[in-house]
PDB file of N, CA and C in Angstrom:
ATOM      1  N   MET A   1       0.775  -1.278   0.003  1.00  0.00           N
ATOM      2  CA  MET A   1      -0.017   0.038   0.012  1.00  0.00           C
ATOM      3  C   MET A   1       0.784   1.234   0.049  1.00  0.00           C
ATOM      4  N   ARG A   2       1.957   1.245   0.851  1.00  0.00           N
ATOM      5  CA  ARG A   2       2.922   2.468   0.963  1.00  0.00           C
ATOM      6  C   ARG A   2       3.509   2.514  -0.428  1.00  0.00           C
ATOM      7  N   LEU A   3       3.923   1.529  -1.177  1.00  0.00           N
ATOM      8  CA  LEU A   3       4.615   1.625  -2.301  1.00  0.00           C
ATOM      9  C   LEU A   3       3.754   2.200  -3.371  1.00  0.00           C
ATOM     10  N   LEU A   4       2.410   1.872  -3.524  1.00  0.00           N
ATOM     11  CA  LEU A   4       1.334   2.465  -4.320  1.00  0.00           C
ATOM     12  C   LEU A   4       1.290   3.847  -4.127  1.00  0.00           C
ATOM     13  N   LEU A   5       1.188   4.318  -2.866  1.00  0.00           N
ATOM     14  CA  LEU A   5       1.099   5.691  -2.449  1.00  0.00           C
ATOM     15  C   LEU A   5       2.293   6.461  -3.026  1.00  0.00           C
ATOM     16  N   ILE A   6       3.561   5.946  -2.728  1.00  0.00           N
ATOM     17  CA  ILE A   6       4.764   6.663  -3.249  1.00  0.00           C
ATOM     18  C   ILE A   6       4.875   6.691  -4.622  1.00  0.00           C
ATOM     19  N   LEU A   7       4.434   5.771  -5.371  1.00  0.00           N
ATOM     20  CA  LEU A   7       4.491   5.786  -6.837  1.00  0.00           C
ATOM     21  C   LEU A   7       3.555   6.747  -7.330  1.00  0.00           C
ATOM     22  N   SER A   8       2.359   6.806  -6.795  1.00  0.00           N
ATOM     23  CA  SER A   8       1.226   7.890  -7.265  1.00  0.00           C
ATOM     24  C   SER A   8       1.695   9.143  -6.967  1.00  0.00           C
ATOM     25  N   VAL A   9       2.244   9.522  -5.798  1.00  0.00           N
ATOM     26  CA  VAL A   9       2.805  10.930  -5.605  1.00  0.00           C
ATOM     27  C   VAL A   9       4.035  11.148  -6.448  1.00  0.00           C
ATOM     28  N   SER A  10       4.789  10.241  -6.807  1.00  0.00           N
ATOM     29  CA  SER A  10       6.005  10.479  -7.665  1.00  0.00           C
ATOM     30  C   SER A  10       5.501  10.736  -9.062  1.00  0.00           C
ATOM     31  N   ALA A  11       4.593  10.016  -9.512  1.00  0.00           N
ATOM     32  CA  ALA A  11       3.982  10.237 -10.840  1.00  0.00           C
ATOM     33  C   ALA A  11       3.318  11.521 -10.968  1.00  0.00           C
ATOM     34  N   CYS A  12       2.622  12.000 -10.031  1.00  0.00           N
ATOM     35  CA  CYS A  12       1.919  13.308  -9.959  1.00  0.00           C
ATOM     36  C   CYS A  12       2.839  14.424 -10.112  1.00  0.00           C
ATOM     37  N   ALA A  13       3.849  14.262  -9.255  1.00  0.00           N
ATOM     38  CA  ALA A  13       4.865  15.289  -8.996  1.00  0.00           C
ATOM     39  C   ALA A  13       5.757  15.438 -10.267  1.00  0.00           C
ATOM     40  N   SER A  14       6.087  14.411 -10.944  1.00  0.00           N
ATOM     41  CA  SER A  14       6.853  14.513 -12.179  1.00  0.00           C
ATOM     42  C   SER A  14       6.048  14.986 -13.431  1.00  0.00           C
ATOM     43  N   GLY A  15       4.754  14.601 -13.318  1.00  0.00           N
ATOM     44  CA  GLY A  15       3.923  15.181 -14.483  1.00  0.00           C
ATOM     45  C   GLY A  15       3.684  16.685 -14.296  1.00  0.00           C
ATOM     46  N   CYS A  16       3.563  17.152 -13.186  1.00  0.00           N
ATOM     47  CA  CYS A  16       3.374  18.737 -12.952  1.00  0.00           C
ATOM     48  C   CYS A  16       4.526  19.423 -13.293  1.00  0.00           C
ATOM     49  N   VAL A  17       5.870  18.796 -13.126  1.00  0.00           N
ATOM     50  CA  VAL A  17       7.053  19.586 -13.307  1.00  0.00           C
ATOM     51  C   VAL A  17       7.349  19.487 -14.855  1.00  0.00           C
ATOM     52  N   SER A  18       7.299  18.411 -15.522  1.00  0.00           N
ATOM     53  CA  SER A  18       7.584  18.341 -16.819  1.00  0.00           C
ATOM     54  C   SER A  18       6.727  18.591 -17.830  1.00  0.00           C
ATOM     55  N   GLY A  19       5.531  18.831 -17.443  1.00  0.00           N
ATOM     56  CA  GLY A  19       4.242  19.067 -18.461  1.00  0.00           C
ATOM     57  C   GLY A  19       4.367  20.592 -18.834  1.00  0.00           C
ATOM     58  N   SER A  20       3.429  20.947 -19.795  1.00  0.00           N
ATOM     59  CA  SER A  20       3.325  22.311 -20.162  1.00  0.00           C
ATOM     60  C   SER A  20       2.568  23.169 -19.068  1.00  0.00           C
ATOM     61  N   ARG A  21       2.959  24.422 -19.184  1.00  0.00           N
ATOM     62  CA  ARG A  21       2.423  25.293 -18.079  1.00  0.00           C
ATOM     63  C   ARG A  21       1.228  25.934 -18.537  1.00  0.00           C
ATOM     64  N   VAL A  22       0.207  26.150 -17.548  1.00  0.00           N
ATOM     65  CA  VAL A  22      -0.923  26.849 -17.958  1.00  0.00           C
ATOM     66  C   VAL A  22      -1.135  28.028 -17.150  1.00  0.00           C
ATOM     67  N   VAL A  23      -1.426  29.123 -17.588  1.00  0.00           N
ATOM     68  CA  VAL A  23      -1.679  30.419 -16.861  1.00  0.00           C
ATOM     69  C   VAL A  23      -3.147  30.749 -16.995  1.00  0.00           C
ATOM     70  N   LEU A  24      -3.755  31.059 -15.841  1.00  0.00           N
ATOM     71  CA  LEU A  24      -5.244  31.477 -15.966  1.00  0.00           C
ATOM     72  C   LEU A  24      -5.102  33.060 -15.829  1.00  0.00           C
ATOM     73  N   VAL A  25      -5.906  33.606 -16.788  1.00  0.00           N
ATOM     74  CA  VAL A  25      -5.965  35.069 -16.911  1.00  0.00           C
ATOM     75  C   VAL A  25      -7.288  35.547 -16.154  1.00  0.00           C
ATOM     76  N   ASP A  26      -7.147  36.525 -15.343  1.00  0.00           N
ATOM     77  CA  ASP A  26      -8.402  37.090 -14.674  1.00  0.00           C
ATOM     78  C   ASP A  26      -9.368  37.684 -15.602  1.00  0.00           C
ATOM     79  N   PRO A  27     -10.585  37.098 -15.882  1.00  0.00           N
ATOM     80  CA  PRO A  27     -11.449  37.699 -17.042  1.00  0.00           C
ATOM     81  C   PRO A  27     -11.947  39.112 -16.652  1.00  0.00           C
ATOM     82  N   SER A  28     -11.701  39.625 -15.328  1.00  0.00           N
ATOM     83  CA  SER A  28     -12.062  40.933 -15.176  1.00  0.00           C
ATOM     84  C   SER A  28     -11.002  42.069 -15.863  1.00  0.00           C
ATOM     85  N   GLN A  29      -9.908  41.599 -16.150  1.00  0.00           N
ATOM     86  CA  GLN A  29      -8.836  42.463 -16.614  1.00  0.00           C
ATOM     87  C   GLN A  29      -9.235  42.475 -18.302  1.00  0.00           C
ATOM     88  N   THR A  30      -9.403  43.567 -18.861  1.00  0.00           N
ATOM     89  CA  THR A  30      -9.663  43.545 -20.262  1.00  0.00           C
ATOM     90  C   THR A  30      -8.482  43.506 -20.992  1.00  0.00           C
ATOM     91  N   ILE A  31      -7.357  43.945 -20.659  1.00  0.00           N
ATOM     92  CA  ILE A  31      -6.169  43.959 -21.525  1.00  0.00           C
ATOM     93  C   ILE A  31      -4.944  43.328 -20.809  1.00  0.00           C
ATOM     94  N   ILE A  32      -4.174  42.420 -21.359  1.00  0.00           N
ATOM     95  CA  ILE A  32      -2.942  41.887 -20.883  1.00  0.00           C
ATOM     96  C   ILE A  32      -1.805  42.057 -21.740  1.00  0.00           C
ATOM     97  N   ARG A  33      -0.667  42.085 -21.300  1.00  0.00           N
ATOM     98  CA  ARG A  33       0.572  42.152 -22.092  1.00  0.00           C
ATOM     99  C   ARG A  33       1.292  40.889 -22.162  1.00  0.00           C
ATOM    100  N   ILE A  34       1.662  40.502 -23.449  1.00  0.00           N
ATOM    101  CA  ILE A  34       2.325  39.255 -23.685  1.00  0.00           C
ATOM    102  C   ILE A  34       3.819  39.261 -23.226  1.00  0.00           C
ATOM    103  N   GLY A  35       4.192  38.150 -22.331  1.00  0.00           N
ATOM    104  CA  GLY A  35       5.412  38.008 -21.874  1.00  0.00           C
ATOM    105  C   GLY A  35       6.325  37.270 -22.833  1.00  0.00           C
ATOM    106  N   PRO A  36       7.553  36.987 -22.392  1.00  0.00           N
ATOM    107  CA  PRO A  36       8.506  36.253 -23.346  1.00  0.00           C
ATOM    108  C   PRO A  36       8.109  34.910 -23.623  1.00  0.00           C
ATOM    109  N   ASP A  37       8.634  34.338 -24.890  1.00  0.00           N
ATOM    110  CA  ASP A  37       8.447  32.894 -25.290  1.00  0.00           C
ATOM    111  C   ASP A  37       7.007  32.540 -25.366  1.00  0.00           C
ATOM    112  N   VAL A  38       6.121  33.183 -25.923  1.00  0.00           N
ATOM    113  CA  VAL A  38       4.740  32.832 -25.899  1.00  0.00           C
ATOM    114  C   VAL A  38       4.377  32.445 -27.413  1.00  0.00           C
ATOM    115  N   ARG A  39       3.961  31.128 -27.380  1.00  0.00           N
ATOM    116  CA  ARG A  39       3.577  30.368 -28.587  1.00  0.00           C
ATOM    117  C   ARG A  39       2.205  29.803 -28.501  1.00  0.00           C
ATOM    118  N   GLY A  40       1.494  29.900 -29.596  1.00  0.00           N
ATOM    119  CA  GLY A  40       0.226  29.245 -29.697  1.00  0.00           C
ATOM    120  C   GLY A  40      -0.511  29.452 -30.815  1.00  0.00           C
ATOM    121  N   ARG A  41      -1.594  28.895 -31.010  1.00  0.00           N
ATOM    122  CA  ARG A  41      -2.579  29.108 -32.227  1.00  0.00           C
ATOM    123  C   ARG A  41      -3.382  30.192 -32.021  1.00  0.00           C
ATOM    124  N   VAL A  42      -3.599  31.108 -33.059  1.00  0.00           N
ATOM    125  CA  VAL A  42      -4.473  32.403 -32.988  1.00  0.00           C
ATOM    126  C   VAL A  42      -5.601  32.312 -34.140  1.00  0.00           C
ATOM    127  N   TYR A  43      -6.561  33.045 -33.689  1.00  0.00           N
ATOM    128  CA  TYR A  43      -7.654  33.252 -34.626  1.00  0.00           C
ATOM    129  C   TYR A  43      -7.329  34.485 -35.540  1.00  0.00           C
ATOM    130  N   THR A  44      -7.656  34.342 -36.735  1.00  0.00           N
ATOM    131  CA  THR A  44      -7.601  35.469 -37.860  1.00  0.00           C
ATOM    132  C   THR A  44      -8.990  35.587 -38.462  1.00  0.00           C
ATOM    133  N   LYS A  45      -9.239  36.668 -39.036  1.00  0.00           N
ATOM    134  CA  LYS A  45     -10.523  36.714 -39.788  1.00  0.00           C
ATOM    135  C   LYS A  45     -10.143  36.444 -41.283  1.00  0.00           C
ATOM    136  N   ASN A  46     -11.049  35.534 -41.852  1.00  0.00           N
ATOM    137  CA  ASN A  46     -10.921  35.231 -43.204  1.00  0.00           C
ATOM    138  C   ASN A  46     -11.633  36.215 -44.195  1.00  0.00           C
ATOM    139  N   LYS A  47     -11.586  36.091 -45.420  1.00  0.00           N
ATOM    140  CA  LYS A  47     -12.381  36.864 -46.376  1.00  0.00           C
ATOM    141  C   LYS A  47     -13.884  37.056 -46.080  1.00  0.00           C
ATOM    142  N   ASP A  48     -14.389  36.075 -45.555  1.00  0.00           N
ATOM    143  CA  ASP A  48     -15.870  36.103 -45.334  1.00  0.00           C
ATOM    144  C   ASP A  48     -16.117  36.768 -44.006  1.00  0.00           C
ATOM    145  N   GLY A  49     -15.186  37.218 -43.377  1.00  0.00           N
ATOM    146  CA  GLY A  49     -15.302  37.899 -42.006  1.00  0.00           C
ATOM    147  C   GLY A  49     -15.452  36.910 -40.813  1.00  0.00           C
ATOM    148  N   ALA A  50     -15.328  35.608 -41.010  1.00  0.00           N
ATOM    149  CA  ALA A  50     -15.417  34.497 -40.037  1.00  0.00           C
ATOM    150  C   ALA A  50     -14.099  34.333 -39.261  1.00  0.00           C
ATOM    151  N   TRP A  51     -14.027  33.974 -38.077  1.00  0.00           N
ATOM    152  CA  TRP A  51     -12.740  33.800 -37.359  1.00  0.00           C
ATOM    153  C   TRP A  51     -12.332  32.407 -37.595  1.00  0.00           C
ATOM    154  N   GLU A  52     -11.046  32.251 -38.060  1.00  0.00           N
ATOM    155  CA  GLU A  52     -10.448  30.945 -38.310  1.00  0.00           C
ATOM    156  C   GLU A  52      -9.146  30.729 -37.575  1.00  0.00           C
ATOM    157  N   LEU A  53      -9.166  29.518 -36.984  1.00  0.00           N
ATOM    158  CA  LEU A  53      -8.057  29.222 -36.119  1.00  0.00           C
ATOM    159  C   LEU A  53      -6.849  28.653 -36.817  1.00  0.00           C
ATOM    160  N   SER A  54      -5.755  29.241 -36.474  1.00  0.00           N
ATOM    161  CA  SER A  54      -4.452  28.927 -37.453  1.00  0.00           C
ATOM    162  C   SER A  54      -3.947  27.296 -37.112  1.00  0.00           C
ATOM    163  N   ARG A  55      -3.585  26.724 -38.171  1.00  0.00           N
ATOM    164  CA  ARG A  55      -3.169  25.347 -38.130  1.00  0.00           C
ATOM    165  C   ARG A  55      -1.877  25.253 -37.305  1.00  0.00           C
ATOM    166  N   ASN A  56      -1.066  26.084 -37.361  1.00  0.00           N
ATOM    167  CA  ASN A  56       0.284  26.052 -36.767  1.00  0.00           C
ATOM    168  C   ASN A  56       0.328  26.935 -35.431  1.00  0.00           C
ATOM    169  N   LYS A  57       1.256  26.670 -34.573  1.00  0.00           N
ATOM    170  CA  LYS A  57       1.441  27.655 -33.532  1.00  0.00           C
ATOM    171  C   LYS A  57       2.471  28.767 -34.061  1.00  0.00           C
ATOM    172  N   VAL A  58       2.059  29.885 -33.578  1.00  0.00           N
ATOM    173  CA  VAL A  58       2.845  31.143 -33.839  1.00  0.00           C
ATOM    174  C   VAL A  58       3.518  31.646 -32.672  1.00  0.00           C
ATOM    175  N   HIS A  59       4.710  32.450 -32.894  1.00  0.00           N
ATOM    176  CA  HIS A  59       5.468  33.194 -31.868  1.00  0.00           C
ATOM    177  C   HIS A  59       4.817  34.514 -31.666  1.00  0.00           C
ATOM    178  N   LEU A  60       4.290  34.855 -30.455  1.00  0.00           N
ATOM    179  CA  LEU A  60       3.802  36.143 -30.212  1.00  0.00           C
ATOM    180  C   LEU A  60       4.842  37.057 -29.578  1.00  0.00           C
ATOM    181  N   PRO A  61       5.157  38.123 -30.268  1.00  0.00           N
ATOM    182  CA  PRO A  61       6.299  38.939 -29.718  1.00  0.00           C
ATOM    183  C   PRO A  61       6.042  39.537 -28.318  1.00  0.00           C
ATOM    184  N   GLU A  62       7.088  39.535 -27.435  1.00  0.00           N
ATOM    185  CA  GLU A  62       6.883  40.022 -26.011  1.00  0.00           C
ATOM    186  C   GLU A  62       6.598  41.541 -26.159  1.00  0.00           C
ATOM    187  N   GLY A  63       5.613  41.903 -25.309  1.00  0.00           N
ATOM    188  CA  GLY A  63       5.323  43.379 -25.282  1.00  0.00           C
ATOM    189  C   GLY A  63       4.090  43.619 -26.000  1.00  0.00           C
ATOM    190  N   TRP A  64       3.475  42.765 -26.948  1.00  0.00           N
ATOM    191  CA  TRP A  64       2.311  42.883 -27.582  1.00  0.00           C
ATOM    192  C   TRP A  64       1.109  42.831 -26.402  1.00  0.00           C
ATOM    193  N   TYR A  65       0.075  43.615 -26.844  1.00  0.00           N
ATOM    194  CA  TYR A  65      -1.057  43.586 -25.894  1.00  0.00           C
ATOM    195  C   TYR A  65      -2.265  42.715 -26.606  1.00  0.00           C
ATOM    196  N   SER A  66      -2.841  42.090 -25.536  1.00  0.00           N
ATOM    197  CA  SER A  66      -4.049  41.178 -25.899  1.00  0.00           C
ATOM    198  C   SER A  66      -5.190  41.419 -25.071  1.00  0.00           C
ATOM    199  N   GLY A  67      -6.351  41.569 -25.611  1.00  0.00           N
ATOM    200  CA  GLY A  67      -7.492  41.930 -24.843  1.00  0.00           C
ATOM    201  C   GLY A  67      -8.804  41.400 -25.417  1.00  0.00           C
ATOM    202  N   GLN A  68      -9.900  41.737 -24.675  1.00  0.00           N
ATOM    203  CA  GLN A  68     -11.161  41.103 -25.011  1.00  0.00           C
ATOM    204  C   GLN A  68     -11.855  42.262 -25.651  1.00  0.00           C
ATOM    205  N   ILE A  69     -12.591  41.993 -26.846  1.00  0.00           N
ATOM    206  CA  ILE A  69     -13.526  42.945 -27.363  1.00  0.00           C
ATOM    207  C   ILE A  69     -14.910  42.516 -27.286  1.00  0.00           C
ATOM    208  N   THR A  70     -15.785  43.178 -27.245  1.00  0.00           N
ATOM    209  CA  THR A  70     -17.229  42.777 -27.193  1.00  0.00           C
ATOM    210  C   THR A  70     -17.889  42.699 -28.538  1.00  0.00           C
ATOM    211  N   PRO A  71     -18.525  41.659 -28.788  1.00  0.00           N
ATOM    212  CA  PRO A  71     -19.044  41.200 -30.160  1.00  0.00           C
ATOM    213  C   PRO A  71     -20.087  42.224 -30.556  1.00  0.00           C
TER     214      PRO A  71
END
């Protein structure tokens, strides 16, 4: 039983350290500023005016601003 507990804790701890990091942004803040080494998929408007998700991850330059707009 102890061995199972130790292995479970070890698996959780190693998964948290080696996995990707997630940052939660406070939705009450309307504007945030991009930090260093940010990569991800982004939406762009196509010719029809619809939002389309990029296939590949892109590098977002440090210092750019990101915010929510009302539809």
